[in-house]
Amino acid sequence: MDPQFREAFNAAFDSARYERYRADLEGSLGCEVGFRLAETPVFFPAYLRERCARAASEIVATLSQPALVERMRAAVPERYARERPEGVPQIACVDFAIVRGDDGRFEPKLVELQGFPSLFAFEIFQRDAWDRELQRVAGCDRDWSAWFSGDRDSYLSCLKQTILGAHDPQSVVLLDLDPPAQKTSCDFAATKLLLGVDAVDPRELTRRGARLFRRGPSGAEIPVERIYYRLVPDELERSGRGSSAVLSGALDVEWVPHPNWFWMWSKYSLPFLEHPAAPRTKLLSDVDALPADLGANYVLKPLFSFAGAGVNVHPSAGDVGAIAPAERERWCLQEKIAYAPAIEAADGGSVKVEVRVMLLRPDGANELVPATNLCRLSRGDLLGVDFNKNLTWVGSSIGIWPA
């Protein structure tokens, strides 16, 4: 988006540069990346970086109000109810579409949010790979940052404090279903390299009373003191593998973040937000009459889907009518967002951008603060990589700026 760097990058771009970047990134991780990597970083101008960070901070501050936190507890299904989390989550992500504001400049517009982890470790490696590749581009050969405050070292220190707390990495697990099969397994590899934390399937854990244990590399049993929670509940249910020891009853373990935040800070929160960056949103159960411009100007979304599953960008009255009344409190109607053609691609045409502002709150801190970002580039109706197959200049990217 910064025209100075965009012009220099596009002028120097060729497929060999992209392949070198991808090979460098995967080589540094020691594994393949399971989703498409975009051909370009996103060059953030300073004003847009500040707008994104400020909007994310303000939205999260609103959600942190005790009365609203209490109201959000209604989002947790009874079958997943457990002890209440205190305060606010250690991790949050706020997704913004990049649109044109009234002043003609780019600005963020809220798409959704989550009290759930993202690719916090992977983004370090993605930034590093682009930083190395850009040293080869005339006009872009400088140090690059992707951190909203501080530098790479301070970001990594904050990430360690947030995920590990005061614990030895061996007593901390990254919990997900069948980790090697996840598209985000590259982030699990990055987490292991940077923090020493293993990715573990819940079925690999042993439970005794309220305590959990896992097997270490030598076969010895290790108590689990803290869980970096990456498990999507509906994915576990769809797998048909039943509930796990981790999802039932009270446990003597620290959560990062607590499982309830997956439900509480989600699209469920959107109807309760009033902010210039937030589009109008209603729970479907609160919609008395469908708007006349439903298909043109609204999106129908399930509240708790993951990676864009179930989102209908051209809903009809029939689509709404097909949702059973008892299920409508789990869906929302959201004002459609007009993504700006934000990036000029070297192979012609324009590309839309979605920015995920990723926030951290290490143990002992009271507030979540913007830490880093990831970007998703699209030429399709939806931003997820599954919706941009067989296209170029789409997929996973990161926003960077001169350090």
Protein backbone atom coordinates (compact mmCIF):
# COMPACT_ATOMS: atom_id res chain seq x y z
CA MET A 1 0.00 0.00 0.00
CA ASP A 2 2.95 2.30 0.54
CA PRO A 3 3.50 3.38 -3.09
CA GLN A 4 7.26 3.87 -2.74
CA PHE A 5 7.92 0.28 -1.74
CA ARG A 6 5.13 -1.20 -3.84
CA GLU A 7 6.59 0.25 -7.04
CA ALA A 8 10.10 -0.92 -6.19
CA PHE A 9 8.92 -4.41 -5.27
CA ASN A 10 6.68 -4.87 -8.31
CA ALA A 11 9.41 -3.68 -10.67
CA ALA A 12 11.79 -6.31 -9.29
CA PHE A 13 9.28 -9.15 -8.96
CA ASP A 14 9.54 -12.44 -10.80
CA SER A 15 8.52 -16.01 -10.00
CA ALA A 16 12.07 -16.94 -8.99
CA ARG A 17 11.95 -14.36 -6.19
CA TYR A 18 8.70 -15.83 -4.88
CA GLU A 19 10.03 -19.39 -4.99
CA ARG A 20 13.20 -18.33 -3.18
CA TYR A 21 11.17 -16.62 -0.44
CA ARG A 22 8.94 -19.66 -0.01
CA ALA A 23 11.87 -22.08 0.09
CA ASP A 24 13.66 -19.87 2.61
CA LEU A 25 10.60 -19.70 4.86
CA GLU A 26 9.92 -23.43 4.76
CA GLY A 27 13.62 -24.19 5.20
CA SER A 28 13.81 -22.06 8.33
CA LEU A 29 10.74 -23.83 9.75
CA GLY A 30 11.91 -27.29 8.74
CA CYS A 31 8.49 -28.11 7.26
CA GLU A 32 6.11 -27.25 4.44
CA VAL A 33 3.48 -24.55 4.91
CA GLY A 34 0.02 -26.08 4.52
CA PHE A 35 -1.66 -23.03 3.00
CA ARG A 36 -0.90 -20.72 0.10
CA LEU A 37 1.74 -18.05 0.61
CA ALA A 38 1.09 -14.79 -1.22
CA GLU A 39 3.70 -13.41 -3.58
CA THR A 40 4.13 -10.16 -1.68
CA PRO A 41 4.26 -8.61 1.77
CA VAL A 42 1.89 -5.73 2.54
CA PHE A 43 3.77 -2.44 2.85
CA PHE A 44 1.92 -0.51 5.58
CA PRO A 45 2.05 3.29 5.54
CA ALA A 46 2.45 4.67 9.06
CA TYR A 47 -1.04 6.17 9.24
CA LEU A 48 -2.74 2.85 8.43
CA ARG A 49 -0.62 0.95 10.94
CA GLU A 50 -1.67 3.44 13.62
CA ARG A 51 -5.36 3.26 12.60
CA CYS A 52 -5.39 -0.55 12.79
CA ALA A 53 -3.65 -0.69 16.17
CA ARG A 54 -5.87 2.01 17.67
CA ALA A 55 -9.11 0.43 16.43
CA ALA A 56 -8.09 -3.00 17.74
CA SER A 57 -7.16 -1.57 21.14
CA GLU A 58 -10.43 0.35 21.44
CA ILE A 59 -12.57 -2.63 20.42
CA VAL A 60 -10.81 -4.95 22.85
CA ALA A 61 -11.11 -2.34 25.63
CA THR A 62 -14.88 -2.23 25.03
CA LEU A 63 -15.12 -6.03 25.20
CA SER A 64 -13.10 -6.01 28.43
CA GLN A 65 -15.76 -4.13 30.38
CA PRO A 66 -16.91 -6.45 33.20
CA ALA A 67 -20.62 -6.04 32.45
CA LEU A 68 -20.11 -6.99 28.81
CA VAL A 69 -17.82 -9.90 29.72
CA GLU A 70 -20.61 -11.20 31.97
CA ARG A 71 -23.12 -10.86 29.13
CA MET A 72 -20.84 -12.78 26.77
CA ARG A 73 -20.94 -15.83 29.05
CA ALA A 74 -24.29 -16.70 27.46
CA ALA A 75 -22.37 -17.69 24.33
CA VAL A 76 -20.78 -20.74 25.99
CA PRO A 77 -22.82 -23.91 25.24
CA GLU A 78 -23.83 -25.79 28.37
CA ARG A 79 -21.94 -28.89 27.28
CA TYR A 80 -18.70 -26.85 27.34
CA ALA A 81 -19.42 -24.94 30.52
CA ARG A 82 -16.58 -25.00 33.06
CA GLU A 83 -15.09 -22.75 35.72
CA ARG A 84 -15.25 -19.09 34.79
CA PRO A 85 -12.17 -17.38 33.42
CA GLU A 86 -11.07 -14.28 35.26
CA GLY A 87 -10.34 -10.89 33.72
CA VAL A 88 -9.71 -10.95 29.97
CA PRO A 89 -7.93 -13.50 27.75
CA GLN A 90 -4.16 -13.48 27.29
CA ILE A 91 -4.66 -13.58 23.52
CA ALA A 92 -7.05 -11.90 21.09
CA CYS A 93 -7.21 -11.33 17.35
CA VAL A 94 -9.15 -8.62 15.55
CA ASP A 95 -9.70 -8.97 11.79
CA PHE A 96 -10.11 -5.87 9.66
CA ALA A 97 -10.99 -5.42 6.02
CA ILE A 98 -9.03 -2.60 4.43
CA VAL A 99 -11.50 -0.13 2.93
CA ARG A 100 -11.48 3.45 1.65
CA GLY A 101 -12.49 5.97 4.29
CA ASP A 102 -14.33 9.24 3.78
CA ASP A 103 -10.96 10.98 3.64
CA GLY A 104 -9.94 8.83 0.66
CA ARG A 105 -7.26 7.02 2.66
CA PHE A 106 -7.23 3.39 3.68
CA GLU A 107 -8.84 2.47 7.01
CA PRO A 108 -9.79 -0.72 8.90
CA LYS A 109 -13.34 -2.09 9.06
CA LEU A 110 -14.07 -4.88 11.53
CA VAL A 111 -14.85 -8.27 10.00
CA GLU A 112 -14.69 -10.46 13.10
CA LEU A 113 -12.69 -11.12 16.24
CA GLN A 114 -11.69 -14.01 18.44
CA GLY A 115 -10.38 -14.70 21.91
CA PHE A 116 -8.35 -17.51 20.41
CA PRO A 117 -4.77 -17.95 19.18
CA SER A 118 -3.49 -17.39 15.67
CA LEU A 119 -0.11 -17.82 13.99
CA PHE A 120 1.85 -15.90 16.62
CA ALA A 121 5.10 -17.85 16.17
CA PHE A 122 4.84 -18.40 12.41
CA GLU A 123 4.63 -14.65 11.75
CA ILE A 124 8.14 -14.19 13.15
CA PHE A 125 9.48 -16.57 10.52
CA GLN A 126 7.36 -15.00 7.77
CA ARG A 127 8.63 -11.53 8.61
CA ASP A 128 12.23 -12.83 8.76
CA ALA A 129 11.95 -14.48 5.34
CA TRP A 130 10.59 -11.32 3.72
CA ASP A 131 13.22 -9.21 5.48
CA ARG A 132 15.97 -11.38 3.98
CA GLU A 133 14.42 -11.37 0.50
CA LEU A 134 13.84 -7.63 0.45
CA GLN A 135 17.55 -6.99 0.97
CA ARG A 136 17.85 -8.11 -2.69
CA VAL A 137 15.34 -5.49 -3.93
CA ALA A 138 16.66 -2.04 -4.81
CA GLY A 139 14.68 0.54 -2.85
CA CYS A 140 13.51 -2.05 -0.30
CA ASP A 141 16.90 -3.01 1.15
CA ARG A 142 16.44 -1.96 4.77
CA ASP A 143 15.38 -3.50 8.08
CA TRP A 144 11.66 -4.32 8.30
CA SER A 145 9.34 -4.49 11.28
CA ALA A 146 6.01 -6.26 11.81
CA TRP A 147 5.72 -5.34 15.51
CA PHE A 148 3.29 -2.67 16.69
CA SER A 149 5.67 -1.77 19.52
CA GLY A 150 9.25 -2.68 20.21
CA ASP A 151 11.26 -4.98 17.99
CA ARG A 152 11.65 -8.68 17.20
CA ASP A 153 13.37 -9.47 20.49
CA SER A 154 10.81 -7.68 22.64
CA TYR A 155 7.95 -9.31 20.72
CA LEU A 156 9.46 -12.76 21.23
CA SER A 157 9.97 -12.02 24.93
CA CYS A 158 6.31 -10.98 25.26
CA LEU A 159 5.18 -14.10 23.41
CA LYS A 160 7.23 -16.32 25.73
CA GLN A 161 5.81 -14.64 28.83
CA THR A 162 2.28 -15.01 27.48
CA ILE A 163 2.43 -18.67 26.49
CA LEU A 164 4.87 -20.06 29.07
CA GLY A 165 4.20 -17.86 32.06
CA ALA A 166 6.59 -19.01 34.80
CA HIS A 167 6.64 -22.64 33.59
CA ASP A 168 9.25 -24.86 32.03
CA PRO A 169 8.38 -25.48 28.33
CA GLN A 170 8.17 -29.23 29.00
CA SER A 171 5.18 -28.68 31.30
CA VAL A 172 3.37 -26.57 28.68
CA VAL A 173 1.56 -28.12 25.70
CA LEU A 174 0.06 -26.65 22.56
CA LEU A 175 -3.24 -28.54 22.38
CA ASP A 176 -4.91 -29.33 19.06
CA LEU A 177 -6.60 -32.24 17.35
CA ASP A 178 -4.12 -34.37 15.36
CA PRO A 179 -1.53 -31.54 15.17
CA PRO A 180 0.50 -32.85 12.18
CA ALA A 181 -2.69 -32.88 10.05
CA GLN A 182 -3.61 -29.25 10.77
CA LYS A 183 -3.01 -26.64 8.08
CA THR A 184 -1.52 -24.49 10.83
CA SER A 185 1.08 -27.13 11.76
CA CYS A 186 3.78 -24.76 10.48
CA ASP A 187 2.92 -22.50 13.42
CA PHE A 188 3.23 -25.48 15.75
CA ALA A 189 6.71 -26.10 14.32
CA ALA A 190 7.57 -22.42 14.83
CA THR A 191 6.28 -22.55 18.41
CA LYS A 192 8.50 -25.54 19.13
CA LEU A 193 11.56 -23.85 17.62
CA LEU A 194 11.06 -20.55 19.46
CA LEU A 195 9.50 -21.64 22.75
CA GLY A 196 10.27 -25.34 23.11
CA VAL A 197 6.56 -26.21 23.41
CA ASP A 198 5.29 -29.47 21.89
CA ALA A 199 2.01 -29.77 19.98
CA VAL A 200 -0.10 -32.52 21.56
CA ASP A 201 -3.37 -34.24 20.67
CA PRO A 202 -5.79 -34.35 23.63
CA ARG A 203 -5.99 -38.14 23.28
CA GLU A 204 -2.28 -38.32 24.15
CA LEU A 205 -2.95 -36.93 27.62
CA THR A 206 -3.58 -39.02 30.72
CA ARG A 207 -5.90 -37.73 33.41
CA ARG A 208 -5.77 -38.55 37.11
CA GLY A 209 -8.33 -36.66 39.09
CA ALA A 210 -7.94 -33.02 38.08
CA ARG A 211 -4.33 -33.42 36.86
CA LEU A 212 -3.12 -34.04 33.32
CA PHE A 213 0.06 -35.81 32.24
CA ARG A 214 1.87 -36.43 28.95
CA ARG A 215 4.77 -38.57 27.81
CA GLY A 216 8.07 -36.82 27.19
CA PRO A 217 10.59 -37.75 24.46
CA SER A 218 12.22 -40.31 26.77
CA GLY A 219 8.89 -41.88 27.66
CA ALA A 220 8.85 -40.39 31.14
CA GLU A 221 5.55 -38.97 32.38
CA ILE A 222 5.46 -35.17 32.66
CA PRO A 223 2.76 -33.16 34.51
CA VAL A 224 0.95 -30.63 32.31
CA GLU A 225 0.83 -27.29 34.11
CA ARG A 226 -0.30 -24.98 31.32
CA ILE A 227 -2.18 -25.44 28.03
CA TYR A 228 -1.76 -23.23 24.98
CA TYR A 229 -5.30 -23.88 23.77
CA ARG A 230 -5.66 -24.24 19.99
CA LEU A 231 -8.49 -26.78 19.86
CA VAL A 232 -11.60 -25.75 17.87
CA PRO A 233 -14.54 -27.46 19.61
CA ASP A 234 -16.73 -28.04 16.55
CA GLU A 235 -13.76 -29.61 14.74
CA LEU A 236 -13.47 -32.14 17.56
CA GLU A 237 -17.20 -32.84 17.33
CA ARG A 238 -17.12 -33.22 13.53
CA SER A 239 -14.23 -35.66 13.84
CA GLY A 240 -16.54 -38.12 15.61
CA ARG A 241 -13.85 -38.89 18.17
CA GLY A 242 -15.95 -37.97 21.14
CA SER A 243 -15.08 -35.71 24.02
CA SER A 244 -11.65 -35.65 25.56
CA ALA A 245 -10.30 -35.48 29.06
CA VAL A 246 -9.46 -31.85 28.49
CA LEU A 247 -13.02 -30.84 27.61
CA SER A 248 -14.81 -32.29 30.61
CA GLY A 249 -14.95 -31.05 34.17
CA ALA A 250 -12.61 -28.89 36.20
CA LEU A 251 -8.87 -29.31 35.74
CA ASP A 252 -5.86 -28.23 37.75
CA VAL A 253 -4.18 -26.47 34.83
CA GLU A 254 -3.57 -22.96 33.54
CA TRP A 255 -5.16 -22.05 30.20
CA VAL A 256 -3.80 -19.75 27.48
CA PRO A 257 -6.42 -18.68 26.69
CA HIS A 258 -9.23 -20.27 28.69
CA PRO A 259 -11.52 -22.35 26.39
CA ASN A 260 -14.56 -20.17 27.17
CA TRP A 261 -13.04 -17.22 25.33
CA PHE A 262 -13.42 -19.12 22.04
CA TRP A 263 -17.17 -18.63 22.46
CA MET A 264 -17.32 -15.36 24.40
CA TRP A 265 -15.06 -13.22 22.22
CA SER A 266 -16.18 -14.19 18.75
CA LYS A 267 -18.70 -13.04 16.15
CA TYR A 268 -21.16 -13.33 19.05
CA SER A 269 -19.66 -10.07 20.33
CA LEU A 270 -20.24 -8.06 17.16
CA PRO A 271 -23.87 -7.01 17.80
CA PHE A 272 -22.81 -5.49 21.13
CA LEU A 273 -20.06 -3.32 19.64
CA GLU A 274 -20.47 0.35 18.80
CA HIS A 275 -17.34 1.67 17.15
CA PRO A 276 -16.63 3.60 13.93
CA ALA A 277 -14.73 0.58 12.61
CA ALA A 278 -17.55 -1.89 13.38
CA PRO A 279 -20.27 -2.59 10.77
CA ARG A 280 -23.90 -2.93 11.82
CA THR A 281 -24.52 -6.47 13.05
CA LYS A 282 -27.55 -8.24 14.54
CA LEU A 283 -28.07 -11.68 15.96
CA LEU A 284 -30.44 -13.43 13.58
CA SER A 285 -32.75 -14.18 16.50
CA ASP A 286 -33.17 -10.40 16.98
CA VAL A 287 -34.07 -9.68 13.33
CA ASP A 288 -37.82 -8.99 13.06
CA ALA A 289 -37.92 -8.21 9.35
CA LEU A 290 -35.33 -8.94 6.70
CA PRO A 291 -33.85 -5.87 4.97
CA ALA A 292 -34.97 -5.32 1.38
CA ASP A 293 -31.32 -5.22 0.28
CA LEU A 294 -30.44 -8.47 2.07
CA GLY A 295 -28.50 -10.17 -0.73
CA ALA A 296 -26.71 -7.04 -1.88
CA ASN A 297 -25.67 -5.46 1.39
CA TYR A 298 -25.56 -8.14 4.10
CA VAL A 299 -23.59 -11.25 4.98
CA LEU A 300 -25.08 -14.21 6.85
CA LYS A 301 -22.60 -15.77 9.28
CA PRO A 302 -22.57 -18.60 11.81
CA LEU A 303 -21.17 -17.21 15.04
CA PHE A 304 -18.71 -19.95 15.81
CA SER A 305 -17.40 -21.20 12.49
CA PHE A 306 -13.69 -21.26 11.78
CA ALA A 307 -11.75 -20.24 8.63
CA GLY A 308 -14.85 -18.85 6.90
CA ALA A 309 -16.92 -22.05 7.05
CA GLY A 310 -20.63 -21.45 6.49
CA VAL A 311 -20.36 -17.74 5.63
CA ASN A 312 -22.92 -16.70 2.98
CA VAL A 313 -21.96 -13.49 1.18
CA HIS A 314 -25.10 -13.42 -0.99
CA PRO A 315 -27.89 -14.56 1.36
CA SER A 316 -31.51 -14.87 0.28
CA ALA A 317 -34.70 -14.92 2.31
CA GLY A 318 -34.78 -18.66 1.65
CA ASP A 319 -31.31 -19.08 3.15
CA VAL A 320 -32.44 -17.30 6.30
CA GLY A 321 -35.70 -19.24 6.41
CA ALA A 322 -33.80 -22.52 6.24
CA ILE A 323 -32.20 -21.80 9.63
CA ALA A 324 -34.37 -23.28 12.38
CA PRO A 325 -35.68 -20.71 14.90
CA ALA A 326 -33.89 -22.50 17.73
CA GLU A 327 -30.57 -22.06 15.88
CA ARG A 328 -30.92 -18.37 14.98
CA GLU A 329 -29.21 -17.13 18.11
CA ARG A 330 -26.10 -18.83 16.69
CA TRP A 331 -26.16 -16.75 13.47
CA CYS A 332 -25.81 -13.08 12.67
CA LEU A 333 -26.57 -10.68 9.84
CA GLN A 334 -23.73 -8.26 9.23
CA GLU A 335 -23.59 -5.22 7.01
CA LYS A 336 -21.49 -6.08 3.96
CA ILE A 337 -18.06 -4.48 3.78
CA ALA A 338 -16.67 -3.05 0.56
CA TYR A 339 -13.04 -4.11 0.47
CA ALA A 340 -10.81 -1.63 -1.33
CA PRO A 341 -8.58 -2.67 -4.23
CA ALA A 342 -5.60 -2.07 -1.97
CA ILE A 343 -2.62 -3.69 -3.74
CA GLU A 344 -1.63 -3.46 -7.37
CA ALA A 345 -0.36 -6.89 -8.40
CA ALA A 346 2.72 -7.21 -10.60
CA ASP A 347 0.81 -9.58 -12.87
CA GLY A 348 -2.06 -7.09 -13.33
CA GLY A 349 -5.25 -6.34 -11.44
CA SER A 350 -5.82 -5.47 -7.81
CA VAL A 351 -5.90 -7.41 -4.59
CA LYS A 352 -8.03 -7.03 -1.45
CA VAL A 353 -6.42 -7.11 1.99
CA GLU A 354 -7.57 -8.30 5.39
CA VAL A 355 -5.38 -7.50 8.40
CA ARG A 356 -5.44 -9.49 11.61
CA VAL A 357 -4.17 -7.42 14.53
CA MET A 358 -2.84 -9.93 17.07
CA LEU A 359 -2.84 -8.87 20.72
CA LEU A 360 -1.06 -10.31 23.76
CA ARG A 361 -1.43 -9.98 27.52
CA PRO A 362 1.42 -11.69 29.40
CA ASP A 363 0.89 -12.85 32.97
CA GLY A 364 0.73 -9.89 35.34
CA ALA A 365 -0.42 -7.39 32.70
CA ASN A 366 -3.92 -5.94 32.86
CA GLU A 367 -4.51 -5.10 29.22
CA LEU A 368 -4.12 -6.70 25.83
CA VAL A 369 -1.81 -4.75 23.54
CA PRO A 370 -1.33 -4.98 19.76
CA ALA A 371 1.78 -7.08 19.14
CA THR A 372 2.02 -8.20 15.51
CA ASN A 373 -0.16 -8.95 12.50
CA LEU A 374 -0.91 -11.27 9.68
CA CYS A 375 -2.55 -10.42 6.37
CA ARG A 376 -4.70 -12.37 3.96
CA LEU A 377 -4.84 -11.36 0.32
CA SER A 378 -7.81 -12.16 -1.90
CA ARG A 379 -9.27 -11.79 -5.35
CA GLY A 380 -12.37 -13.81 -4.41
CA ASP A 381 -15.54 -13.11 -2.41
CA LEU A 382 -13.99 -14.39 0.82
CA LEU A 383 -10.53 -13.90 2.25
CA GLY A 384 -9.73 -17.42 3.45
CA VAL A 385 -7.14 -19.31 1.43
CA ASP A 386 -9.73 -22.01 0.70
CA PHE A 387 -11.73 -19.45 -1.29
CA ASN A 388 -8.86 -18.29 -3.52
CA LYS A 389 -7.67 -21.48 -5.14
CA ASN A 390 -5.89 -21.36 -8.49
CA LEU A 391 -5.27 -17.62 -8.16
CA THR A 392 -2.00 -15.73 -7.81
CA TRP A 393 -1.10 -12.91 -5.42
CA VAL A 394 -3.49 -14.33 -2.83
CA GLY A 395 -3.06 -16.15 0.46
CA SER A 396 -0.99 -15.64 3.58
CA SER A 397 1.08 -12.50 3.98
CA ILE A 398 2.23 -10.05 6.64
CA GLY A 399 2.15 -6.28 7.03
CA ILE A 400 5.59 -4.71 7.34
CA TRP A 401 7.10 -1.24 7.57
CA PRO A 402 10.61 0.25 7.88
CA ALA A 403 12.06 -0.53 11.31
